[in-house]
Structure formats: C-alpha cells, structure tokens
Amino acid sequence: KLAGNNELWQQIKDGKSEQEIRDSWQPALSHFKQIRKKYLLYKDFE
C-alpha cells in the first residue's frame, strides 16, 4: 500500500524521480518546520 496523496500518486505516474518528488516537498516542509519551532521544548531539536 502506498502512503501519500493524489499529488504523490500523480508524480509517480508521471515518472518523477525520487529526488524530484522529495524536492517538491521542500516548500511545505520548510513552512512546517518554521511554524513548529515555537512549540519545541528543546531548541536544538530540529
């Protein structure tokens, strides 16, 4: 079974490489990490 959403499934069907798929996650991942910083108990845990 494959985890993910429709976007991931479409990228796989389109023949995107693993690196291209990972790169497409970076903007959302960076945004998430920025938001979660204020909730971390230990600042060195990123």
PDB file of N, CA and C in Angstrom:
ATOM      1  N   LYS A   1       0.845  -1.185   0.000  1.00  0.00           N
ATOM      2  CA  LYS A   1       0.000   0.000   0.000  1.00  0.00           C
ATOM      3  C   LYS A   1       0.887   1.243   0.000  1.00  0.00           C
ATOM      4  N   LEU A   2       0.489   2.240  -0.752  1.00  0.00           N
ATOM      5  CA  LEU A   2       1.269   3.462  -0.888  1.00  0.00           C
ATOM      6  C   LEU A   2       0.674   4.572  -0.035  1.00  0.00           C
ATOM      7  N   ALA A   3       1.516   5.196   0.762  1.00  0.00           N
ATOM      8  CA  ALA A   3       1.075   6.348   1.553  1.00  0.00           C
ATOM      9  C   ALA A   3       1.180   7.594   0.681  1.00  0.00           C
ATOM     10  N   GLY A   4       0.517   8.645   1.101  1.00  0.00           N
ATOM     11  CA  GLY A   4       0.626   9.888   0.360  1.00  0.00           C
ATOM     12  C   GLY A   4      -0.727  10.384  -0.094  1.00  0.00           C
ATOM     13  N   ASN A   5      -0.690  11.324  -1.004  1.00  0.00           N
ATOM     14  CA  ASN A   5      -1.922  11.922  -1.502  1.00  0.00           C
ATOM     15  C   ASN A   5      -1.969  11.811  -3.026  1.00  0.00           C
ATOM     16  N   ASN A   6      -2.962  12.424  -3.608  1.00  0.00           N
ATOM     17  CA  ASN A   6      -3.112  12.362  -5.065  1.00  0.00           C
ATOM     18  C   ASN A   6      -1.927  12.977  -5.793  1.00  0.00           C
ATOM     19  N   GLU A   7      -1.349  14.007  -5.200  1.00  0.00           N
ATOM     20  CA  GLU A   7      -0.196  14.649  -5.839  1.00  0.00           C
ATOM     21  C   GLU A   7       0.977  13.674  -5.939  1.00  0.00           C
ATOM     22  N   LEU A   8       1.240  12.943  -4.869  1.00  0.00           N
ATOM     23  CA  LEU A   8       2.322  11.952  -4.887  1.00  0.00           C
ATOM     24  C   LEU A   8       2.043  10.874  -5.929  1.00  0.00           C
ATOM     25  N   TRP A   9       0.830  10.374  -5.945  1.00  0.00           N
ATOM     26  CA  TRP A   9       0.465   9.344  -6.914  1.00  0.00           C
ATOM     27  C   TRP A   9       0.668   9.854  -8.343  1.00  0.00           C
ATOM     28  N   GLN A  10       0.282  11.088  -8.602  1.00  0.00           N
ATOM     29  CA  GLN A  10       0.442  11.655  -9.945  1.00  0.00           C
ATOM     30  C   GLN A  10       1.918  11.799 -10.303  1.00  0.00           C
ATOM     31  N   GLN A  11       2.733  12.209  -9.348  1.00  0.00           N
ATOM     32  CA  GLN A  11       4.168  12.341  -9.608  1.00  0.00           C
ATOM     33  C   GLN A  11       4.775  10.986  -9.975  1.00  0.00           C
ATOM     34  N   ILE A  12       4.360   9.943  -9.277  1.00  0.00           N
ATOM     35  CA  ILE A  12       4.855   8.601  -9.585  1.00  0.00           C
ATOM     36  C   ILE A  12       4.400   8.177 -10.977  1.00  0.00           C
ATOM     37  N   LYS A  13       3.129   8.402 -11.288  1.00  0.00           N
ATOM     38  CA  LYS A  13       2.610   8.053 -12.613  1.00  0.00           C
ATOM     39  C   LYS A  13       3.319   8.837 -13.708  1.00  0.00           C
ATOM     40  N   ASP A  14       3.719  10.075 -13.407  1.00  0.00           N
ATOM     41  CA  ASP A  14       4.413  10.913 -14.384  1.00  0.00           C
ATOM     42  C   ASP A  14       5.880  10.540 -14.539  1.00  0.00           C
ATOM     43  N   GLY A  15       6.336   9.581 -13.735  1.00  0.00           N
ATOM     44  CA  GLY A  15       7.718   9.120 -13.858  1.00  0.00           C
ATOM     45  C   GLY A  15       8.739  10.001 -13.167  1.00  0.00           C
ATOM     46  N   LYS A  16       8.292  10.810 -12.223  1.00  0.00           N
ATOM     47  CA  LYS A  16       9.224  11.676 -11.494  1.00  0.00           C
ATOM     48  C   LYS A  16      10.201  10.818 -10.699  1.00  0.00           C
ATOM     49  N   SER A  17      11.417  11.290 -10.570  1.00  0.00           N
ATOM     50  CA  SER A  17      12.415  10.566  -9.781  1.00  0.00           C
ATOM     51  C   SER A  17      12.161  10.790  -8.294  1.00  0.00           C
ATOM     52  N   GLU A  18      12.772   9.946  -7.482  1.00  0.00           N
ATOM     53  CA  GLU A  18      12.639  10.111  -6.031  1.00  0.00           C
ATOM     54  C   GLU A  18      13.104  11.503  -5.613  1.00  0.00           C
ATOM     55  N   GLN A  19      14.214  11.955  -6.179  1.00  0.00           N
ATOM     56  CA  GLN A  19      14.744  13.266  -5.808  1.00  0.00           C
ATOM     57  C   GLN A  19      13.796  14.388  -6.215  1.00  0.00           C
ATOM     58  N   GLU A  20      13.191  14.291  -7.380  1.00  0.00           N
ATOM     59  CA  GLU A  20      12.229  15.304  -7.816  1.00  0.00           C
ATOM     60  C   GLU A  20      11.024  15.353  -6.881  1.00  0.00           C
ATOM     61  N   ILE A  21      10.572  14.190  -6.444  1.00  0.00           N
ATOM     62  CA  ILE A  21       9.438  14.139  -5.520  1.00  0.00           C
ATOM     63  C   ILE A  21       9.829  14.747  -4.181  1.00  0.00           C
ATOM     64  N   ARG A  22      10.989  14.359  -3.658  1.00  0.00           N
ATOM     65  CA  ARG A  22      11.456  14.921  -2.385  1.00  0.00           C
ATOM     66  C   ARG A  22      11.620  16.443  -2.487  1.00  0.00           C
ATOM     67  N   ASP A  23      12.166  16.905  -3.595  1.00  0.00           N
ATOM     68  CA  ASP A  23      12.348  18.347  -3.788  1.00  0.00           C
ATOM     69  C   ASP A  23      11.007  19.079  -3.794  1.00  0.00           C
ATOM     70  N   SER A  24       9.967  18.436  -4.310  1.00  0.00           N
ATOM     71  CA  SER A  24       8.652  19.081  -4.360  1.00  0.00           C
ATOM     72  C   SER A  24       8.051  19.248  -2.968  1.00  0.00           C
ATOM     73  N   TRP A  25       8.532  18.485  -2.004  1.00  0.00           N
ATOM     74  CA  TRP A  25       8.030  18.583  -0.625  1.00  0.00           C
ATOM     75  C   TRP A  25       8.688  19.711   0.154  1.00  0.00           C
ATOM     76  N   GLN A  26       9.822  20.207  -0.301  1.00  0.00           N
ATOM     77  CA  GLN A  26      10.621  21.139   0.491  1.00  0.00           C
ATOM     78  C   GLN A  26       9.907  22.426   0.902  1.00  0.00           C
ATOM     79  N   PRO A  27       9.174  23.106   0.039  1.00  0.00           N
ATOM     80  CA  PRO A  27       8.499  24.333   0.485  1.00  0.00           C
ATOM     81  C   PRO A  27       7.540  24.089   1.656  1.00  0.00           C
ATOM     82  N   ALA A  28       6.721  23.057   1.561  1.00  0.00           N
ATOM     83  CA  ALA A  28       5.771  22.767   2.643  1.00  0.00           C
ATOM     84  C   ALA A  28       6.497  22.304   3.899  1.00  0.00           C
ATOM     85  N   LEU A  29       7.555  21.528   3.730  1.00  0.00           N
ATOM     86  CA  LEU A  29       8.323  21.045   4.877  1.00  0.00           C
ATOM     87  C   LEU A  29       9.005  22.205   5.594  1.00  0.00           C
ATOM     88  N   SER A  30       9.571  23.121   4.848  1.00  0.00           N
ATOM     89  CA  SER A  30      10.210  24.297   5.452  1.00  0.00           C
ATOM     90  C   SER A  30       9.191  25.137   6.217  1.00  0.00           C
ATOM     91  N   HIS A  31       8.027  25.304   5.647  1.00  0.00           N
ATOM     92  CA  HIS A  31       6.957  26.065   6.301  1.00  0.00           C
ATOM     93  C   HIS A  31       6.542  25.386   7.607  1.00  0.00           C
ATOM     94  N   PHE A  32       6.364  24.069   7.572  1.00  0.00           N
ATOM     95  CA  PHE A  32       6.001  23.313   8.764  1.00  0.00           C
ATOM     96  C   PHE A  32       7.066  23.464   9.849  1.00  0.00           C
ATOM     97  N   LYS A  33       8.336  23.331   9.474  1.00  0.00           N
ATOM     98  CA  LYS A  33       9.416  23.433  10.461  1.00  0.00           C
ATOM     99  C   LYS A  33       9.470  24.821  11.082  1.00  0.00           C
ATOM    100  N   GLN A  34       9.194  25.844  10.299  1.00  0.00           N
ATOM    101  CA  GLN A  34       9.191  27.211  10.819  1.00  0.00           C
ATOM    102  C   GLN A  34       8.073  27.390  11.850  1.00  0.00           C
ATOM    103  N   ILE A  35       6.893  26.888  11.560  1.00  0.00           N
ATOM    104  CA  ILE A  35       5.757  27.010  12.475  1.00  0.00           C
ATOM    105  C   ILE A  35       5.996  26.227  13.759  1.00  0.00           C
ATOM    106  N   ARG A  36       6.538  25.020  13.638  1.00  0.00           N
ATOM    107  CA  ARG A  36       6.691  24.168  14.822  1.00  0.00           C
ATOM    108  C   ARG A  36       7.787  24.636  15.764  1.00  0.00           C
ATOM    109  N   LYS A  37       8.698  25.489  15.298  1.00  0.00           N
ATOM    110  CA  LYS A  37       9.800  25.963  16.143  1.00  0.00           C
ATOM    111  C   LYS A  37       9.312  26.525  17.469  1.00  0.00           C
ATOM    112  N   LYS A  38       8.231  27.276  17.440  1.00  0.00           N
ATOM    113  CA  LYS A  38       7.763  27.914  18.667  1.00  0.00           C
ATOM    114  C   LYS A  38       7.163  26.924  19.656  1.00  0.00           C
ATOM    115  N   TYR A  39       6.907  25.698  19.221  1.00  0.00           N
ATOM    116  CA  TYR A  39       6.322  24.684  20.097  1.00  0.00           C
ATOM    117  C   TYR A  39       7.340  23.666  20.620  1.00  0.00           C
ATOM    118  N   LEU A  40       8.556  23.711  20.109  1.00  0.00           N
ATOM    119  CA  LEU A  40       9.568  22.751  20.540  1.00  0.00           C
ATOM    120  C   LEU A  40      10.037  23.060  21.953  1.00  0.00           C
ATOM    121  N   LEU A  41      10.159  22.031  22.764  1.00  0.00           N
ATOM    122  CA  LEU A  41      10.660  22.202  24.128  1.00  0.00           C
ATOM    123  C   LEU A  41      12.168  22.385  24.143  1.00  0.00           C
ATOM    124  N   TYR A  42      12.855  21.725  23.228  1.00  0.00           N
ATOM    125  CA  TYR A  42      14.309  21.787  23.162  1.00  0.00           C
ATOM    126  C   TYR A  42      14.700  22.447  21.845  1.00  0.00           C
ATOM    127  N   LYS A  43      15.310  23.596  21.925  1.00  0.00           N
ATOM    128  CA  LYS A  43      15.608  24.386  20.729  1.00  0.00           C
ATOM    129  C   LYS A  43      16.586  23.696  19.786  1.00  0.00           C
ATOM    130  N   ASP A  44      17.417  22.791  20.309  1.00  0.00           N
ATOM    131  CA  ASP A  44      18.382  22.121  19.443  1.00  0.00           C
ATOM    132  C   ASP A  44      17.793  20.888  18.755  1.00  0.00           C
ATOM    133  N   PHE A  45      16.516  20.644  18.957  1.00  0.00           N
ATOM    134  CA  PHE A  45      15.844  19.506  18.328  1.00  0.00           C
ATOM    135  C   PHE A  45      15.079  20.013  17.114  1.00  0.00           C
ATOM    136  N   GLU A  46      15.709  19.930  15.966  1.00  0.00           N
ATOM    137  CA  GLU A  46      15.058  20.408  14.745  1.00  0.00           C
ATOM    138  C   GLU A  46      14.946  19.296  13.807  1.00  0.00           C
TER     139      GLU A  46
END
